[in-house]
Amino acid sequence: MPRELTHIEWTAFHAAYLQGNTALCPSCGTAQQAVLKPLDRTVRFSCGHQLAIPENTEPLAQPRSSAR
């Protein structure tokens, strides 16, 4: 089972993720591509870290599309 994001980490991740799919990975501290897996309640980063979404979080929104 992956480590659960703290609520502070989740809030920071979610705000960045809504702007695009790049966010700071809390495990290694670098900006990474992120994939939100709401059914699994996890976030997977391109660096290989996978973290669990905390319980009792706000609804999960998808990032804005960059295509116009």
N, C-alpha and C. Protein backbone atom coordinates (compact mmCIF):
# COMPACT_ATOMS: atom_id res chain seq x y z
N MET A 1 0.84 -1.18 0.00
CA MET A 1 0.00 0.00 0.00
C MET A 1 0.89 1.24 0.00
N PRO A 2 0.63 2.18 -0.94
CA PRO A 2 1.46 3.38 -0.98
C PRO A 2 1.19 4.29 0.21
N ARG A 3 2.18 5.12 0.49
CA ARG A 3 2.04 6.11 1.56
C ARG A 3 0.92 7.07 1.19
N GLU A 4 0.15 7.50 2.19
CA GLU A 4 -0.94 8.44 1.96
C GLU A 4 -0.41 9.87 1.98
N LEU A 5 -0.85 10.67 1.02
CA LEU A 5 -0.53 12.08 1.03
C LEU A 5 -1.14 12.72 2.28
N THR A 6 -0.42 13.67 2.87
CA THR A 6 -1.02 14.44 3.96
C THR A 6 -2.05 15.38 3.32
N HIS A 7 -2.91 15.96 4.12
CA HIS A 7 -3.89 16.89 3.57
C HIS A 7 -3.21 18.12 2.98
N ILE A 8 -2.11 18.56 3.57
CA ILE A 8 -1.35 19.70 3.03
C ILE A 8 -0.75 19.32 1.68
N GLU A 9 -0.14 18.13 1.58
CA GLU A 9 0.42 17.67 0.31
C GLU A 9 -0.66 17.52 -0.75
N TRP A 10 -1.83 16.97 -0.34
CA TRP A 10 -2.94 16.79 -1.27
C TRP A 10 -3.43 18.14 -1.81
N THR A 11 -3.58 19.13 -0.92
CA THR A 11 -4.05 20.44 -1.33
C THR A 11 -3.08 21.07 -2.33
N ALA A 12 -1.78 21.00 -2.05
CA ALA A 12 -0.77 21.55 -2.96
C ALA A 12 -0.76 20.79 -4.29
N PHE A 13 -0.82 19.47 -4.22
CA PHE A 13 -0.85 18.66 -5.44
C PHE A 13 -2.07 19.00 -6.28
N HIS A 14 -3.24 19.00 -5.65
CA HIS A 14 -4.48 19.19 -6.38
C HIS A 14 -4.53 20.54 -7.07
N ALA A 15 -4.07 21.59 -6.40
CA ALA A 15 -4.05 22.93 -6.99
C ALA A 15 -3.14 22.95 -8.23
N ALA A 16 -1.97 22.35 -8.14
CA ALA A 16 -1.04 22.30 -9.28
C ALA A 16 -1.59 21.42 -10.39
N TYR A 17 -2.18 20.29 -10.04
CA TYR A 17 -2.69 19.35 -11.01
C TYR A 17 -3.83 19.93 -11.83
N LEU A 18 -4.65 20.78 -11.22
CA LEU A 18 -5.75 21.40 -11.95
C LEU A 18 -5.26 22.35 -13.04
N GLN A 19 -4.04 22.83 -12.92
CA GLN A 19 -3.46 23.72 -13.94
C GLN A 19 -2.82 22.94 -15.09
N GLY A 20 -2.59 21.68 -14.90
CA GLY A 20 -1.95 20.79 -15.87
C GLY A 20 -1.59 19.52 -15.13
N ASN A 21 -0.96 18.58 -15.79
CA ASN A 21 -0.69 17.33 -15.10
C ASN A 21 0.72 17.23 -14.55
N THR A 22 1.36 18.37 -14.30
CA THR A 22 2.68 18.38 -13.67
C THR A 22 2.52 18.89 -12.24
N ALA A 23 3.13 18.19 -11.31
CA ALA A 23 3.03 18.58 -9.91
C ALA A 23 4.30 18.15 -9.19
N LEU A 24 4.52 18.73 -8.03
CA LEU A 24 5.68 18.38 -7.20
C LEU A 24 5.43 17.04 -6.53
N CYS A 25 6.35 16.10 -6.70
CA CYS A 25 6.25 14.81 -6.03
C CYS A 25 6.75 15.01 -4.59
N PRO A 26 5.90 14.75 -3.59
CA PRO A 26 6.32 14.94 -2.20
C PRO A 26 7.43 13.98 -1.77
N SER A 27 7.56 12.85 -2.43
CA SER A 27 8.56 11.86 -2.03
C SER A 27 9.97 12.25 -2.44
N CYS A 28 10.11 12.86 -3.64
CA CYS A 28 11.47 13.21 -4.08
C CYS A 28 11.66 14.71 -4.25
N GLY A 29 10.57 15.49 -4.16
CA GLY A 29 10.68 16.94 -4.19
C GLY A 29 10.96 17.54 -5.56
N THR A 30 10.68 16.81 -6.63
CA THR A 30 10.90 17.33 -7.98
C THR A 30 9.58 17.39 -8.74
N ALA A 31 9.51 18.32 -9.70
CA ALA A 31 8.32 18.44 -10.54
C ALA A 31 8.25 17.23 -11.47
N GLN A 32 7.11 16.59 -11.51
CA GLN A 32 6.93 15.37 -12.28
C GLN A 32 5.58 15.38 -12.98
N GLN A 33 5.48 14.64 -14.07
CA GLN A 33 4.18 14.36 -14.67
C GLN A 33 3.43 13.49 -13.68
N ALA A 34 2.15 13.74 -13.52
CA ALA A 34 1.35 12.97 -12.56
C ALA A 34 0.11 12.42 -13.24
N VAL A 35 -0.28 11.23 -12.81
CA VAL A 35 -1.51 10.61 -13.29
C VAL A 35 -2.38 10.35 -12.08
N LEU A 36 -3.55 10.95 -12.08
CA LEU A 36 -4.51 10.77 -11.00
C LEU A 36 -5.34 9.54 -11.32
N LYS A 37 -5.38 8.59 -10.39
CA LYS A 37 -6.14 7.36 -10.58
C LYS A 37 -7.24 7.32 -9.52
N PRO A 38 -8.36 8.03 -9.77
CA PRO A 38 -9.39 8.17 -8.74
C PRO A 38 -10.03 6.85 -8.30
N LEU A 39 -10.17 5.90 -9.20
CA LEU A 39 -10.77 4.62 -8.80
C LEU A 39 -9.88 3.85 -7.83
N ASP A 40 -8.56 3.98 -8.01
CA ASP A 40 -7.60 3.34 -7.10
C ASP A 40 -7.27 4.24 -5.91
N ARG A 41 -7.75 5.51 -5.96
CA ARG A 41 -7.44 6.52 -4.95
C ARG A 41 -5.94 6.71 -4.78
N THR A 42 -5.24 6.78 -5.93
CA THR A 42 -3.80 6.99 -5.92
C THR A 42 -3.41 8.05 -6.94
N VAL A 43 -2.20 8.58 -6.74
CA VAL A 43 -1.55 9.46 -7.69
C VAL A 43 -0.23 8.80 -8.04
N ARG A 44 0.04 8.64 -9.34
CA ARG A 44 1.30 8.05 -9.78
C ARG A 44 2.12 9.12 -10.49
N PHE A 45 3.36 9.30 -10.06
CA PHE A 45 4.26 10.30 -10.63
C PHE A 45 5.22 9.63 -11.60
N SER A 46 5.71 10.39 -12.59
CA SER A 46 6.61 9.83 -13.60
C SER A 46 7.95 9.38 -13.00
N CYS A 47 8.28 9.84 -11.80
CA CYS A 47 9.51 9.41 -11.13
C CYS A 47 9.36 8.00 -10.55
N GLY A 48 8.12 7.48 -10.57
CA GLY A 48 7.87 6.13 -10.08
C GLY A 48 7.17 6.07 -8.74
N HIS A 49 7.11 7.19 -8.03
CA HIS A 49 6.41 7.19 -6.74
C HIS A 49 4.90 7.13 -6.95
N GLN A 50 4.25 6.39 -6.07
CA GLN A 50 2.80 6.30 -6.07
C GLN A 50 2.32 6.58 -4.66
N LEU A 51 1.41 7.53 -4.53
CA LEU A 51 0.92 7.94 -3.22
C LEU A 51 -0.59 7.83 -3.17
N ALA A 52 -1.12 7.47 -2.01
CA ALA A 52 -2.56 7.32 -1.84
C ALA A 52 -3.21 8.68 -1.58
N ILE A 53 -4.40 8.86 -2.14
CA ILE A 53 -5.18 10.07 -1.90
C ILE A 53 -5.79 9.96 -0.50
N PRO A 54 -5.69 11.01 0.30
CA PRO A 54 -6.24 10.94 1.66
C PRO A 54 -7.76 10.72 1.66
N GLU A 55 -8.23 10.09 2.70
CA GLU A 55 -9.67 9.91 2.88
C GLU A 55 -10.32 11.26 3.11
N ASN A 56 -11.62 11.35 2.84
CA ASN A 56 -12.40 12.57 3.08
C ASN A 56 -11.85 13.79 2.36
N THR A 57 -11.48 13.61 1.08
CA THR A 57 -11.01 14.75 0.29
C THR A 57 -12.15 15.27 -0.57
N GLU A 58 -11.95 16.48 -1.09
CA GLU A 58 -12.95 17.08 -1.96
C GLU A 58 -13.06 16.26 -3.25
N PRO A 59 -14.13 16.43 -4.03
CA PRO A 59 -14.26 15.68 -5.28
C PRO A 59 -13.06 15.93 -6.18
N LEU A 60 -12.69 14.91 -6.91
CA LEU A 60 -11.51 14.97 -7.77
C LEU A 60 -11.87 15.54 -9.12
N ALA A 61 -11.25 16.67 -9.44
CA ALA A 61 -11.45 17.29 -10.75
C ALA A 61 -10.29 16.92 -11.67
N GLN A 62 -10.54 16.97 -12.94
CA GLN A 62 -9.49 16.67 -13.92
C GLN A 62 -8.82 17.97 -14.34
N PRO A 63 -7.54 17.90 -14.79
CA PRO A 63 -6.84 19.11 -15.20
C PRO A 63 -7.47 19.72 -16.45
N ARG A 64 -7.22 21.02 -16.63
CA ARG A 64 -7.69 21.70 -17.82
C ARG A 64 -6.97 21.16 -19.05
N SER A 65 -7.67 21.05 -20.13
CA SER A 65 -7.07 20.61 -21.38
C SER A 65 -6.25 21.74 -21.95
N SER A 66 -5.06 21.43 -22.46
CA SER A 66 -4.20 22.47 -23.03
C SER A 66 -4.55 22.71 -24.50
N ALA A 67 -5.36 21.85 -25.10
CA ALA A 67 -5.77 22.02 -26.50
C ALA A 67 -6.86 23.08 -26.61
N ARG A 68 -6.77 23.91 -27.59
CA ARG A 68 -7.79 24.94 -27.81
C ARG A 68 -8.35 24.82 -29.18
